[in-house]
N, C-alpha and C. Protein backbone atom coordinates (compact mmCIF):
# COMPACT_ATOMS: atom_id res chain seq x y z
N MET A 1 10.06 42.88 -44.88
CA MET A 1 8.90 42.66 -44.07
C MET A 1 9.37 42.38 -42.64
N ALA A 2 8.95 43.16 -41.73
CA ALA A 2 9.35 43.05 -40.33
C ALA A 2 8.28 42.30 -39.54
N LEU A 3 8.74 41.44 -38.66
CA LEU A 3 7.80 40.73 -37.79
C LEU A 3 7.51 41.59 -36.57
N THR A 4 6.28 41.67 -36.23
CA THR A 4 5.91 42.43 -35.04
C THR A 4 5.28 41.49 -34.04
N PHE A 5 5.53 41.74 -32.80
CA PHE A 5 4.97 40.93 -31.73
C PHE A 5 3.95 41.76 -30.99
N ARG A 6 2.75 41.25 -30.91
CA ARG A 6 1.68 41.98 -30.24
C ARG A 6 1.39 41.32 -28.90
N LEU A 7 1.37 42.08 -27.84
CA LEU A 7 1.06 41.57 -26.52
C LEU A 7 -0.42 41.24 -26.43
N PRO A 8 -0.78 40.17 -25.69
CA PRO A 8 -2.20 39.86 -25.54
C PRO A 8 -2.88 40.94 -24.71
N SER A 9 -4.15 41.06 -24.90
CA SER A 9 -4.91 42.08 -24.18
C SER A 9 -5.00 41.70 -22.70
N LEU A 10 -5.34 42.68 -21.89
CA LEU A 10 -5.46 42.47 -20.46
C LEU A 10 -6.56 41.45 -20.15
N GLY A 11 -7.65 41.50 -20.89
CA GLY A 11 -8.75 40.55 -20.69
C GLY A 11 -8.31 39.12 -20.97
N ALA A 12 -7.50 38.91 -22.01
CA ALA A 12 -7.02 37.58 -22.35
C ALA A 12 -6.08 37.06 -21.26
N LEU A 13 -5.24 37.93 -20.72
CA LEU A 13 -4.34 37.53 -19.64
C LEU A 13 -5.13 37.15 -18.39
N LEU A 14 -6.15 37.92 -18.07
CA LEU A 14 -6.97 37.62 -16.90
C LEU A 14 -7.70 36.28 -17.06
N ARG A 15 -8.22 36.02 -18.25
CA ARG A 15 -8.90 34.74 -18.50
C ARG A 15 -7.92 33.58 -18.37
N LEU A 16 -6.72 33.75 -18.88
CA LEU A 16 -5.71 32.71 -18.78
C LEU A 16 -5.31 32.45 -17.33
N MET A 17 -5.14 33.52 -16.56
CA MET A 17 -4.80 33.37 -15.14
C MET A 17 -5.94 32.72 -14.37
N LEU A 18 -7.18 33.06 -14.68
CA LEU A 18 -8.33 32.46 -14.02
C LEU A 18 -8.41 30.96 -14.34
N LEU A 19 -8.18 30.61 -15.58
CA LEU A 19 -8.19 29.21 -15.98
C LEU A 19 -7.09 28.42 -15.26
N ALA A 20 -5.91 29.01 -15.15
CA ALA A 20 -4.80 28.35 -14.45
C ALA A 20 -5.13 28.18 -12.97
N PHE A 21 -5.73 29.18 -12.35
CA PHE A 21 -6.10 29.10 -10.94
C PHE A 21 -7.14 28.01 -10.70
N ILE A 22 -8.16 27.96 -11.55
CA ILE A 22 -9.21 26.95 -11.40
C ILE A 22 -8.63 25.54 -11.57
N THR A 23 -7.74 25.38 -12.53
CA THR A 23 -7.11 24.08 -12.75
C THR A 23 -6.29 23.65 -11.55
N LEU A 24 -5.49 24.57 -11.01
CA LEU A 24 -4.68 24.25 -9.83
C LEU A 24 -5.54 23.96 -8.61
N ALA A 25 -6.61 24.74 -8.43
CA ALA A 25 -7.50 24.52 -7.28
C ALA A 25 -8.19 23.17 -7.38
N ALA A 26 -8.63 22.80 -8.57
CA ALA A 26 -9.29 21.50 -8.75
C ALA A 26 -8.31 20.36 -8.51
N THR A 27 -7.09 20.51 -8.98
CA THR A 27 -6.07 19.48 -8.77
C THR A 27 -5.76 19.33 -7.29
N TRP A 28 -5.64 20.44 -6.59
CA TRP A 28 -5.36 20.42 -5.16
C TRP A 28 -6.52 19.77 -4.40
N ALA A 29 -7.75 20.08 -4.78
CA ALA A 29 -8.92 19.50 -4.11
C ALA A 29 -8.98 17.99 -4.32
N MET A 30 -8.67 17.53 -5.52
CA MET A 30 -8.70 16.09 -5.79
C MET A 30 -7.58 15.37 -5.03
N ALA A 31 -6.43 16.01 -4.91
CA ALA A 31 -5.32 15.40 -4.18
C ALA A 31 -5.65 15.32 -2.69
N ALA A 32 -6.30 16.34 -2.16
CA ALA A 32 -6.68 16.34 -0.74
C ALA A 32 -7.75 15.30 -0.48
N GLU A 33 -8.58 15.00 -1.46
CA GLU A 33 -9.64 14.01 -1.31
C GLU A 33 -9.07 12.63 -1.01
N GLY A 34 -7.93 12.31 -1.58
CA GLY A 34 -7.33 11.00 -1.38
C GLY A 34 -6.68 10.81 -0.02
N THR A 35 -6.46 11.89 0.73
CA THR A 35 -5.79 11.77 2.02
C THR A 35 -6.75 11.89 3.19
N LYS A 36 -8.04 11.77 2.97
CA LYS A 36 -9.02 11.87 4.05
C LYS A 36 -8.83 10.73 5.03
N THR A 37 -8.96 11.07 6.31
CA THR A 37 -8.97 10.02 7.32
C THR A 37 -10.22 10.14 8.18
N ALA A 38 -10.44 11.29 8.78
CA ALA A 38 -11.61 11.47 9.64
C ALA A 38 -12.85 11.65 8.77
N GLY A 39 -13.87 10.88 9.05
CA GLY A 39 -15.12 10.99 8.31
C GLY A 39 -15.07 10.35 6.94
N SER A 40 -14.04 9.59 6.67
CA SER A 40 -13.91 8.94 5.37
C SER A 40 -14.83 7.73 5.29
N ARG A 41 -15.28 7.39 4.08
CA ARG A 41 -16.11 6.21 3.90
C ARG A 41 -15.30 4.93 3.94
N VAL A 42 -14.00 5.05 3.77
CA VAL A 42 -13.13 3.88 3.79
C VAL A 42 -12.62 3.69 5.22
N SER A 43 -12.86 2.54 5.79
CA SER A 43 -12.43 2.30 7.16
C SER A 43 -10.94 1.97 7.21
N ALA A 44 -10.33 2.35 8.30
CA ALA A 44 -8.92 2.04 8.49
C ALA A 44 -8.78 0.56 8.81
N PRO A 45 -7.70 -0.06 8.39
CA PRO A 45 -7.53 -1.49 8.68
C PRO A 45 -7.35 -1.73 10.17
N ILE A 46 -7.86 -2.83 10.64
CA ILE A 46 -7.70 -3.21 12.03
C ILE A 46 -6.49 -4.14 12.10
N VAL A 47 -5.45 -3.66 12.74
CA VAL A 47 -4.22 -4.43 12.83
C VAL A 47 -4.06 -4.90 14.27
N GLU A 48 -4.12 -6.20 14.46
CA GLU A 48 -3.93 -6.76 15.79
C GLU A 48 -2.45 -6.90 16.08
N LYS A 49 -2.12 -6.81 17.36
CA LYS A 49 -0.73 -6.95 17.76
C LYS A 49 -0.27 -8.39 17.53
N ALA A 50 0.97 -8.53 17.09
CA ALA A 50 1.53 -9.87 16.88
C ALA A 50 1.55 -10.64 18.19
N LYS A 51 1.41 -11.93 18.12
CA LYS A 51 1.27 -12.75 19.32
C LYS A 51 2.59 -12.95 20.05
N GLY A 52 3.67 -12.53 19.47
CA GLY A 52 4.95 -12.61 20.14
C GLY A 52 5.66 -13.92 19.88
N GLY A 53 6.67 -14.16 20.67
CA GLY A 53 7.44 -15.38 20.47
C GLY A 53 8.68 -15.09 19.65
N GLU A 54 9.32 -16.14 19.22
CA GLU A 54 10.57 -16.01 18.48
C GLU A 54 10.30 -16.01 16.99
N CYS A 55 10.83 -15.04 16.30
CA CYS A 55 10.70 -14.95 14.85
C CYS A 55 11.89 -15.68 14.21
N VAL A 56 11.88 -15.78 12.90
CA VAL A 56 12.98 -16.48 12.22
C VAL A 56 14.27 -15.68 12.24
N ALA A 57 14.17 -14.37 12.49
CA ALA A 57 15.36 -13.52 12.56
C ALA A 57 15.07 -12.35 13.50
N ASP A 58 16.10 -11.62 13.86
CA ASP A 58 15.90 -10.49 14.77
C ASP A 58 15.12 -9.37 14.08
N PRO A 59 14.43 -8.50 14.84
CA PRO A 59 13.56 -7.47 14.25
C PRO A 59 14.27 -6.53 13.29
N ALA A 60 15.50 -6.13 13.58
CA ALA A 60 16.21 -5.21 12.69
C ALA A 60 16.44 -5.86 11.32
N PHE A 61 16.82 -7.12 11.32
CA PHE A 61 17.03 -7.84 10.06
C PHE A 61 15.71 -7.98 9.30
N MET A 62 14.64 -8.29 10.01
CA MET A 62 13.33 -8.47 9.37
C MET A 62 12.84 -7.16 8.74
N ARG A 63 13.06 -6.03 9.41
CA ARG A 63 12.64 -4.74 8.84
C ARG A 63 13.35 -4.47 7.52
N ARG A 64 14.62 -4.80 7.46
CA ARG A 64 15.40 -4.54 6.24
C ARG A 64 15.13 -5.55 5.13
N ASN A 65 14.94 -6.80 5.48
CA ASN A 65 14.95 -7.87 4.48
C ASN A 65 13.65 -8.64 4.35
N HIS A 66 12.57 -8.17 4.93
CA HIS A 66 11.32 -8.92 4.93
C HIS A 66 10.83 -9.23 3.51
N GLY A 67 10.83 -8.24 2.64
CA GLY A 67 10.38 -8.46 1.26
C GLY A 67 11.22 -9.49 0.52
N ASP A 68 12.53 -9.39 0.69
CA ASP A 68 13.43 -10.35 0.04
C ASP A 68 13.21 -11.76 0.59
N MET A 69 12.98 -11.85 1.89
CA MET A 69 12.74 -13.17 2.48
C MET A 69 11.45 -13.78 1.96
N LEU A 70 10.41 -12.96 1.81
CA LEU A 70 9.15 -13.48 1.28
C LEU A 70 9.32 -14.00 -0.14
N LYS A 71 10.07 -13.26 -0.95
CA LYS A 71 10.31 -13.72 -2.33
C LYS A 71 11.11 -15.03 -2.33
N HIS A 72 12.13 -15.08 -1.48
CA HIS A 72 12.96 -16.28 -1.41
C HIS A 72 12.14 -17.47 -0.93
N GLN A 73 11.31 -17.25 0.11
CA GLN A 73 10.47 -18.33 0.63
C GLN A 73 9.45 -18.76 -0.41
N ARG A 74 8.91 -17.80 -1.16
CA ARG A 74 7.96 -18.14 -2.21
C ARG A 74 8.61 -19.07 -3.23
N ASP A 75 9.81 -18.71 -3.65
CA ASP A 75 10.51 -19.53 -4.64
C ASP A 75 10.81 -20.92 -4.09
N ASP A 76 11.31 -20.98 -2.85
CA ASP A 76 11.64 -22.29 -2.26
C ASP A 76 10.38 -23.13 -2.05
N THR A 77 9.32 -22.49 -1.57
CA THR A 77 8.11 -23.23 -1.23
C THR A 77 7.31 -23.62 -2.47
N MET A 78 7.03 -22.67 -3.32
CA MET A 78 6.16 -22.93 -4.46
C MET A 78 6.88 -23.67 -5.58
N ARG A 79 8.11 -23.29 -5.85
CA ARG A 79 8.81 -23.88 -7.00
C ARG A 79 9.71 -25.04 -6.60
N GLY A 80 10.24 -24.96 -5.37
CA GLY A 80 11.14 -26.03 -4.93
C GLY A 80 10.45 -27.10 -4.09
N GLY A 81 9.25 -26.81 -3.61
CA GLY A 81 8.52 -27.79 -2.82
C GLY A 81 9.01 -27.94 -1.39
N ILE A 82 9.87 -27.02 -0.94
CA ILE A 82 10.41 -27.09 0.43
C ILE A 82 9.40 -26.42 1.36
N ARG A 83 8.84 -27.20 2.29
CA ARG A 83 7.80 -26.67 3.17
C ARG A 83 8.10 -26.96 4.65
N THR A 84 9.35 -27.00 5.01
CA THR A 84 9.71 -27.31 6.39
C THR A 84 10.52 -26.18 6.99
N GLY A 85 10.51 -26.12 8.31
CA GLY A 85 11.36 -25.18 9.05
C GLY A 85 11.13 -23.73 8.69
N LYS A 86 12.22 -23.05 8.38
CA LYS A 86 12.15 -21.62 8.08
C LYS A 86 11.45 -21.33 6.76
N ASN A 87 11.32 -22.32 5.91
CA ASN A 87 10.67 -22.10 4.62
C ASN A 87 9.15 -22.20 4.70
N SER A 88 8.63 -22.61 5.84
CA SER A 88 7.18 -22.71 6.01
C SER A 88 6.62 -21.36 6.42
N LEU A 89 5.51 -20.98 5.84
CA LEU A 89 4.87 -19.72 6.20
C LEU A 89 3.89 -19.88 7.36
N LYS A 90 3.68 -21.11 7.83
CA LYS A 90 2.71 -21.33 8.91
C LYS A 90 3.08 -20.57 10.17
N ALA A 91 4.37 -20.51 10.51
CA ALA A 91 4.79 -19.78 11.70
C ALA A 91 4.51 -18.29 11.54
N CYS A 92 4.74 -17.76 10.36
CA CYS A 92 4.46 -16.34 10.10
C CYS A 92 2.97 -16.06 10.23
N ILE A 93 2.16 -16.92 9.64
CA ILE A 93 0.71 -16.74 9.65
C ILE A 93 0.17 -16.84 11.07
N GLU A 94 0.67 -17.81 11.85
CA GLU A 94 0.16 -17.99 13.21
C GLU A 94 0.44 -16.77 14.07
N CYS A 95 1.56 -16.10 13.87
CA CYS A 95 1.90 -14.94 14.69
C CYS A 95 1.31 -13.65 14.15
N HIS A 96 1.34 -13.46 12.84
CA HIS A 96 1.01 -12.16 12.27
C HIS A 96 -0.38 -12.05 11.67
N ALA A 97 -1.06 -13.14 11.38
CA ALA A 97 -2.38 -13.07 10.76
C ALA A 97 -3.46 -13.29 11.80
N SER A 98 -4.58 -12.63 11.61
CA SER A 98 -5.70 -12.74 12.53
C SER A 98 -6.71 -13.75 12.00
N LYS A 99 -7.17 -14.63 12.87
CA LYS A 99 -8.21 -15.58 12.48
C LYS A 99 -9.60 -15.00 12.72
N THR A 100 -9.69 -13.90 13.47
CA THR A 100 -10.99 -13.31 13.78
C THR A 100 -11.29 -12.08 12.94
N ASN A 101 -10.27 -11.41 12.45
CA ASN A 101 -10.44 -10.19 11.68
C ASN A 101 -10.79 -10.53 10.24
N LYS A 102 -11.96 -10.12 9.78
CA LYS A 102 -12.41 -10.44 8.42
C LYS A 102 -11.64 -9.67 7.35
N GLN A 103 -10.83 -8.67 7.74
CA GLN A 103 -10.06 -7.91 6.77
C GLN A 103 -8.80 -8.65 6.34
N CYS A 104 -8.42 -9.66 7.10
CA CYS A 104 -7.19 -10.39 6.80
C CYS A 104 -7.43 -11.34 5.64
N GLN A 105 -6.71 -11.18 4.57
CA GLN A 105 -6.86 -12.02 3.39
C GLN A 105 -6.23 -13.40 3.60
N CYS A 106 -5.47 -13.56 4.67
CA CYS A 106 -4.81 -14.84 4.92
C CYS A 106 -5.82 -15.95 5.20
N GLN A 107 -7.03 -15.59 5.60
CA GLN A 107 -8.04 -16.60 5.92
C GLN A 107 -8.45 -17.38 4.68
N ARG A 108 -8.29 -16.82 3.51
CA ARG A 108 -8.73 -17.45 2.28
C ARG A 108 -7.63 -18.24 1.57
N ILE A 109 -6.44 -18.26 2.13
CA ILE A 109 -5.32 -18.94 1.48
C ILE A 109 -5.48 -20.45 1.63
N LYS A 110 -5.14 -21.19 0.60
CA LYS A 110 -5.41 -22.63 0.56
C LYS A 110 -4.63 -23.46 1.58
N PHE A 111 -3.52 -22.94 2.12
CA PHE A 111 -2.77 -23.77 3.06
C PHE A 111 -3.28 -23.64 4.49
N LEU A 112 -4.41 -22.94 4.69
CA LEU A 112 -5.05 -22.87 6.00
C LEU A 112 -6.48 -23.41 5.87
N PRO A 113 -6.67 -24.71 5.63
CA PRO A 113 -8.00 -25.23 5.34
C PRO A 113 -8.96 -25.16 6.52
N GLU A 114 -8.46 -25.05 7.76
CA GLU A 114 -9.36 -25.04 8.91
C GLU A 114 -10.08 -23.70 9.07
N LEU A 115 -9.66 -22.68 8.33
CA LEU A 115 -10.31 -21.38 8.42
C LEU A 115 -11.39 -21.24 7.37
N PRO A 116 -12.46 -20.47 7.67
CA PRO A 116 -13.55 -20.30 6.67
C PRO A 116 -13.11 -19.52 5.46
């Protein structure tokens, strides 16, 4: 008994290609939907310029190590109870957080009781 392989008909191939095209087009359209900027219903965040002054480290160091410093400060402050000097986030908040911009979540943090 010999096995024979039958090619699909031209109509079946066309239907398969049409289905693949529609799937790719829909995927592309949904991906493009997420990158809208102009005319989007989601507003862009309002980022105010930092107030300046001296930071805890130079800008190049902060760009590279900011995340690690935040984790380290979190551990020292929350778990170790150290809330002085470089371990205090008040200096960071005063320079980088906005007290007028309602988009800033820092206004709701418990260590800034004077803010609404």
